[in-house]
N, C-alpha and C. Protein backbone atom coordinates (compact mmCIF):
# COMPACT_ATOMS: atom_id res chain seq x y z
N MET A 1 -19.36 22.25 10.15
CA MET A 1 -19.26 20.90 9.61
C MET A 1 -17.85 20.72 9.03
N GLY A 2 -17.19 19.67 9.46
CA GLY A 2 -15.83 19.40 9.01
C GLY A 2 -15.77 18.69 7.67
N LYS A 3 -14.56 18.48 7.22
CA LYS A 3 -14.33 17.86 5.91
C LYS A 3 -14.89 16.44 5.84
N VAL A 4 -14.67 15.66 6.90
CA VAL A 4 -15.15 14.28 6.90
C VAL A 4 -16.67 14.23 6.95
N GLU A 5 -17.27 15.13 7.71
CA GLU A 5 -18.74 15.17 7.77
C GLU A 5 -19.33 15.50 6.40
N LYS A 6 -18.69 16.42 5.68
CA LYS A 6 -19.15 16.76 4.33
C LYS A 6 -18.98 15.56 3.39
N LEU A 7 -17.89 14.84 3.56
CA LEU A 7 -17.64 13.65 2.76
C LEU A 7 -18.74 12.61 3.00
N LEU A 8 -19.09 12.42 4.27
CA LEU A 8 -20.15 11.47 4.62
C LEU A 8 -21.50 11.91 4.05
N GLU A 9 -21.77 13.19 4.11
CA GLU A 9 -23.02 13.72 3.55
C GLU A 9 -23.10 13.44 2.04
N LYS A 10 -22.00 13.65 1.33
CA LYS A 10 -21.96 13.37 -0.10
C LYS A 10 -22.12 11.87 -0.37
N MET A 11 -21.51 11.07 0.48
CA MET A 11 -21.59 9.62 0.33
C MET A 11 -23.04 9.14 0.48
N ARG A 12 -23.74 9.71 1.46
CA ARG A 12 -25.15 9.35 1.66
C ARG A 12 -26.01 9.79 0.48
N ALA A 13 -25.69 10.93 -0.11
CA ALA A 13 -26.47 11.47 -1.22
C ALA A 13 -26.22 10.71 -2.52
N ASN A 14 -24.99 10.20 -2.70
CA ASN A 14 -24.64 9.52 -3.94
C ASN A 14 -23.63 8.40 -3.65
N PRO A 15 -24.08 7.15 -3.61
CA PRO A 15 -23.18 6.04 -3.29
C PRO A 15 -22.32 5.56 -4.46
N ARG A 16 -22.20 6.33 -5.48
CA ARG A 16 -21.41 5.92 -6.66
C ARG A 16 -20.05 6.60 -6.69
N ASP A 17 -19.08 5.89 -7.29
CA ASP A 17 -17.76 6.45 -7.60
C ASP A 17 -16.95 6.89 -6.38
N TRP A 18 -16.83 6.02 -5.38
CA TRP A 18 -16.02 6.32 -4.20
C TRP A 18 -14.76 5.48 -4.21
N ARG A 19 -13.75 5.97 -3.51
CA ARG A 19 -12.48 5.27 -3.40
C ARG A 19 -12.29 4.80 -1.96
N ILE A 20 -11.46 3.80 -1.78
CA ILE A 20 -11.24 3.20 -0.47
C ILE A 20 -10.68 4.23 0.52
N GLU A 21 -9.90 5.19 0.03
CA GLU A 21 -9.32 6.21 0.91
C GLU A 21 -10.41 7.05 1.58
N SER A 22 -11.51 7.28 0.88
CA SER A 22 -12.61 8.04 1.46
C SER A 22 -13.28 7.25 2.57
N LEU A 23 -13.48 5.96 2.36
CA LEU A 23 -14.07 5.12 3.39
C LEU A 23 -13.16 5.05 4.62
N GLU A 24 -11.86 4.94 4.39
CA GLU A 24 -10.91 4.91 5.50
C GLU A 24 -10.97 6.21 6.31
N ALA A 25 -11.05 7.35 5.64
CA ALA A 25 -11.10 8.64 6.34
C ALA A 25 -12.36 8.76 7.19
N VAL A 26 -13.50 8.39 6.63
CA VAL A 26 -14.76 8.44 7.38
C VAL A 26 -14.70 7.44 8.54
N GLY A 27 -14.20 6.26 8.27
CA GLY A 27 -14.11 5.23 9.30
C GLY A 27 -13.24 5.67 10.47
N ARG A 28 -12.08 6.27 10.18
CA ARG A 28 -11.19 6.75 11.25
C ARG A 28 -11.90 7.77 12.13
N ARG A 29 -12.66 8.65 11.51
CA ARG A 29 -13.36 9.72 12.26
C ARG A 29 -14.35 9.15 13.26
N TYR A 30 -14.95 8.00 12.93
CA TYR A 30 -16.00 7.44 13.79
C TYR A 30 -15.56 6.16 14.50
N GLY A 31 -14.27 5.92 14.58
CA GLY A 31 -13.75 4.81 15.37
C GLY A 31 -13.90 3.44 14.73
N ILE A 32 -14.04 3.41 13.44
CA ILE A 32 -14.15 2.14 12.72
C ILE A 32 -12.75 1.65 12.37
N SER A 33 -12.47 0.41 12.72
CA SER A 33 -11.17 -0.19 12.41
C SER A 33 -11.17 -0.73 11.00
N VAL A 34 -10.02 -0.63 10.35
CA VAL A 34 -9.87 -1.15 9.00
C VAL A 34 -8.82 -2.24 9.03
N ARG A 35 -9.20 -3.40 8.56
CA ARG A 35 -8.25 -4.51 8.49
C ARG A 35 -8.04 -4.84 7.02
N LYS A 36 -6.80 -4.85 6.61
CA LYS A 36 -6.47 -5.22 5.23
C LYS A 36 -6.19 -6.71 5.24
N THR A 37 -6.87 -7.44 4.40
CA THR A 37 -6.81 -8.90 4.44
C THR A 37 -5.53 -9.47 3.87
N GLY A 38 -4.70 -8.65 3.29
CA GLY A 38 -3.50 -9.16 2.63
C GLY A 38 -3.78 -9.46 1.16
N GLY A 39 -5.03 -9.49 0.83
CA GLY A 39 -5.44 -9.72 -0.55
C GLY A 39 -5.98 -8.43 -1.13
N SER A 40 -7.11 -8.54 -1.76
CA SER A 40 -7.68 -7.38 -2.44
C SER A 40 -8.91 -6.83 -1.73
N HIS A 41 -9.04 -7.08 -0.41
CA HIS A 41 -10.21 -6.61 0.32
C HIS A 41 -9.81 -5.85 1.58
N PHE A 42 -10.72 -4.96 1.99
CA PHE A 42 -10.60 -4.24 3.25
C PHE A 42 -11.82 -4.61 4.08
N VAL A 43 -11.62 -4.79 5.39
CA VAL A 43 -12.73 -5.14 6.29
C VAL A 43 -12.89 -4.00 7.30
N PHE A 44 -14.09 -3.46 7.39
CA PHE A 44 -14.41 -2.38 8.31
C PHE A 44 -15.22 -2.94 9.46
N ILE A 45 -14.76 -2.70 10.70
CA ILE A 45 -15.45 -3.20 11.89
C ILE A 45 -15.45 -2.13 12.98
N HIS A 46 -16.42 -2.23 13.87
CA HIS A 46 -16.52 -1.32 15.01
C HIS A 46 -16.88 -2.16 16.23
N PRO A 47 -16.26 -1.88 17.38
CA PRO A 47 -16.52 -2.71 18.57
C PRO A 47 -17.97 -2.66 19.07
N ASP A 48 -18.72 -1.63 18.74
CA ASP A 48 -20.12 -1.51 19.20
C ASP A 48 -21.13 -2.10 18.22
N SER A 49 -20.66 -2.74 17.17
CA SER A 49 -21.56 -3.28 16.16
C SER A 49 -21.17 -4.71 15.80
N GLU A 50 -22.16 -5.50 15.51
CA GLU A 50 -21.91 -6.86 15.05
C GLU A 50 -21.73 -6.91 13.54
N LEU A 51 -21.98 -5.79 12.87
CA LEU A 51 -21.81 -5.74 11.42
C LEU A 51 -20.33 -5.68 11.07
N MET A 52 -20.00 -6.32 9.98
CA MET A 52 -18.65 -6.28 9.44
C MET A 52 -18.81 -6.09 7.93
N VAL A 53 -18.14 -5.08 7.39
CA VAL A 53 -18.29 -4.76 5.98
C VAL A 53 -16.98 -5.07 5.26
N THR A 54 -17.06 -5.96 4.28
CA THR A 54 -15.91 -6.31 3.47
C THR A 54 -16.04 -5.61 2.12
N VAL A 55 -15.02 -4.84 1.77
CA VAL A 55 -15.06 -4.04 0.55
C VAL A 55 -13.85 -4.43 -0.32
N PRO A 56 -14.09 -4.83 -1.56
CA PRO A 56 -12.97 -5.12 -2.45
C PRO A 56 -12.26 -3.84 -2.86
N PHE A 57 -10.95 -3.93 -2.97
CA PHE A 57 -10.16 -2.78 -3.38
C PHE A 57 -10.17 -2.69 -4.90
N LYS A 58 -11.22 -2.15 -5.41
CA LYS A 58 -11.37 -1.98 -6.85
C LYS A 58 -12.01 -0.63 -7.06
N ARG A 59 -11.49 0.13 -7.98
CA ARG A 59 -12.02 1.47 -8.21
C ARG A 59 -12.92 1.49 -9.41
N PRO A 60 -14.00 2.21 -9.39
CA PRO A 60 -14.62 2.76 -8.19
C PRO A 60 -15.32 1.65 -7.41
N ILE A 61 -15.57 1.89 -6.15
CA ILE A 61 -16.26 0.91 -5.30
C ILE A 61 -17.73 0.88 -5.72
N LYS A 62 -18.27 -0.31 -5.84
CA LYS A 62 -19.67 -0.44 -6.24
C LYS A 62 -20.60 0.12 -5.15
N PRO A 63 -21.72 0.70 -5.56
CA PRO A 63 -22.65 1.32 -4.61
C PRO A 63 -23.13 0.37 -3.50
N VAL A 64 -23.25 -0.91 -3.79
CA VAL A 64 -23.73 -1.85 -2.77
C VAL A 64 -22.80 -1.86 -1.55
N TYR A 65 -21.50 -1.71 -1.75
CA TYR A 65 -20.56 -1.69 -0.63
C TYR A 65 -20.64 -0.38 0.15
N ILE A 66 -20.93 0.70 -0.54
CA ILE A 66 -21.10 1.99 0.14
C ILE A 66 -22.35 1.94 1.01
N VAL A 67 -23.41 1.35 0.50
CA VAL A 67 -24.65 1.21 1.27
C VAL A 67 -24.39 0.36 2.52
N GLN A 68 -23.62 -0.70 2.40
CA GLN A 68 -23.28 -1.53 3.56
C GLN A 68 -22.44 -0.74 4.57
N PHE A 69 -21.49 0.04 4.08
CA PHE A 69 -20.66 0.87 4.95
C PHE A 69 -21.52 1.89 5.69
N LEU A 70 -22.47 2.50 5.00
CA LEU A 70 -23.37 3.46 5.62
C LEU A 70 -24.26 2.77 6.66
N ALA A 71 -24.64 1.52 6.42
CA ALA A 71 -25.42 0.76 7.39
C ALA A 71 -24.61 0.52 8.66
N LEU A 72 -23.32 0.28 8.52
CA LEU A 72 -22.44 0.13 9.68
C LEU A 72 -22.42 1.44 10.48
N LEU A 73 -22.28 2.55 9.80
CA LEU A 73 -22.28 3.85 10.47
C LEU A 73 -23.61 4.09 11.19
N ASP A 74 -24.71 3.76 10.53
CA ASP A 74 -26.03 3.91 11.15
C ASP A 74 -26.15 3.03 12.40
N ASP A 75 -25.59 1.83 12.32
CA ASP A 75 -25.66 0.88 13.43
C ASP A 75 -24.94 1.40 14.67
N ILE A 76 -23.89 2.18 14.48
CA ILE A 76 -23.15 2.72 15.63
C ILE A 76 -23.65 4.10 16.03
N GLY A 77 -24.70 4.58 15.36
CA GLY A 77 -25.35 5.83 15.75
C GLY A 77 -24.85 7.09 15.09
N VAL A 78 -24.17 6.97 13.97
CA VAL A 78 -23.71 8.15 13.23
C VAL A 78 -24.85 8.64 12.37
N GLU A 79 -25.17 9.92 12.50
CA GLU A 79 -26.27 10.48 11.70
C GLU A 79 -25.76 11.28 10.54
């Protein structure tokens, strides 16, 4: 199990106190594109999913956004 897989496992176990850099690392590993809006938000999208997750760049990221990000991963078949 690689570093990103361990990060994802921890994220699933505890959706609290995450930083945007962690979401970007996991997203890159699974082909999720990150678009920076020019403001204070990041948008995570994947071509195989209709879900789009908008996450505000505020530390720590609230658990609701982590749950949405995990739903995007589940939608594209990441276990």
